[in-house]
């Protein structure tokens, strides 16, 4: 996989991190679930990029 495609995948995962993090915070009202959500997305994005 070339570098532009890897960067594109990371950008595509950036949108759910920002929007989804706000939704998770609005639902739970705490930062702990937001951090867990973002770490899970980071692991998935890392797995896709490292292929």
C-alpha atoms as a PDB file:
ATOM      1  CA  UNK A   1       0.000   0.000   0.000  1.00  0.00           C
ATOM      2  CA  UNK A   2       1.445   3.361  -0.955  1.00  0.00           C
ATOM      3  CA  UNK A   3       1.831   6.365   1.344  1.00  0.00           C
ATOM      4  CA  UNK A   4      -1.021   8.516  -0.070  1.00  0.00           C
ATOM      5  CA  UNK A   5      -3.472   5.667   0.438  1.00  0.00           C
ATOM      6  CA  UNK A   6      -2.310   5.202   4.046  1.00  0.00           C
ATOM      7  CA  UNK A   7      -2.684   8.910   4.736  1.00  0.00           C
ATOM      8  CA  UNK A   8      -6.139   8.838   3.149  1.00  0.00           C
ATOM      9  CA  UNK A   9      -7.218   6.042   5.473  1.00  0.00           C
ATOM     10  CA  UNK A  10      -6.027   8.046   8.482  1.00  0.00           C
ATOM     11  CA  UNK A  11      -7.913  11.138   7.284  1.00  0.00           C
ATOM     12  CA  UNK A  12     -11.080   9.094   6.762  1.00  0.00           C
ATOM     13  CA  UNK A  13     -10.766   7.783  10.328  1.00  0.00           C
ATOM     14  CA  UNK A  14     -10.232  11.331  11.608  1.00  0.00           C
ATOM     15  CA  UNK A  15     -13.820  12.353  10.913  1.00  0.00           C
ATOM     16  CA  UNK A  16     -15.425   9.608  13.067  1.00  0.00           C
ATOM     17  CA  UNK A  17     -12.959  10.408  15.848  1.00  0.00           C
ATOM     18  CA  UNK A  18     -14.096  14.031  16.004  1.00  0.00           C
ATOM     19  CA  UNK A  19     -17.809  13.576  15.371  1.00  0.00           C
ATOM     20  CA  UNK A  20     -18.142  10.250  17.167  1.00  0.00           C
ATOM     21  CA  UNK A  21     -16.177  11.519  20.140  1.00  0.00           C
ATOM     22  CA  UNK A  22     -18.676  14.350  20.541  1.00  0.00           C
ATOM     23  CA  UNK A  23     -21.606  11.952  20.284  1.00  0.00           C
ATOM     24  CA  UNK A  24     -20.096   9.566  22.829  1.00  0.00           C
ATOM     25  CA  UNK A  25     -19.420  12.480  25.192  1.00  0.00           C
ATOM     26  CA  UNK A  26     -22.994  13.725  24.799  1.00  0.00           C
ATOM     27  CA  UNK A  27     -24.363  10.251  25.581  1.00  0.00           C
ATOM     28  CA  UNK A  28     -22.184   9.473  28.594  1.00  0.00           C
ATOM     29  CA  UNK A  29     -21.111  12.917  29.841  1.00  0.00           C
ATOM     30  CA  UNK A  30     -17.626  11.686  30.736  1.00  0.00           C
ATOM     31  CA  UNK A  31     -14.273  11.547  28.980  1.00  0.00           C
ATOM     32  CA  UNK A  32     -13.450   7.925  29.843  1.00  0.00           C
ATOM     33  CA  UNK A  33     -15.822   6.407  27.226  1.00  0.00           C
ATOM     34  CA  UNK A  34     -14.551   8.942  24.673  1.00  0.00           C
ATOM     35  CA  UNK A  35     -10.962   7.838  25.251  1.00  0.00           C
ATOM     36  CA  UNK A  36     -11.959   4.180  24.944  1.00  0.00           C
ATOM     37  CA  UNK A  37     -13.816   4.918  21.684  1.00  0.00           C
ATOM     38  CA  UNK A  38     -10.856   6.796  20.253  1.00  0.00           C
ATOM     39  CA  UNK A  39      -8.364   4.094  21.247  1.00  0.00           C
ATOM     40  CA  UNK A  40     -10.522   1.461  19.523  1.00  0.00           C
ATOM     41  CA  UNK A  41     -10.635   3.554  16.352  1.00  0.00           C
ATOM     42  CA  UNK A  42      -6.879   4.078  16.569  1.00  0.00           C
ATOM     43  CA  UNK A  43      -6.320   0.320  16.793  1.00  0.00           C
ATOM     44  CA  UNK A  44      -8.552  -0.343  13.775  1.00  0.00           C
ATOM     45  CA  UNK A  45      -6.899   2.410  11.742  1.00  0.00           C
ATOM     46  CA  UNK A  46      -3.456   1.153  12.732  1.00  0.00           C
ATOM     47  CA  UNK A  47      -4.366  -2.358  11.693  1.00  0.00           C
ATOM     48  CA  UNK A  48      -5.581  -1.156   8.293  1.00  0.00           C
ATOM     49  CA  UNK A  49      -2.567   1.059   7.678  1.00  0.00           C
ATOM     50  CA  UNK A  50      -0.008  -1.534   8.768  1.00  0.00           C
ATOM     51  CA  UNK A  51      -1.137  -4.089   6.154  1.00  0.00           C
END
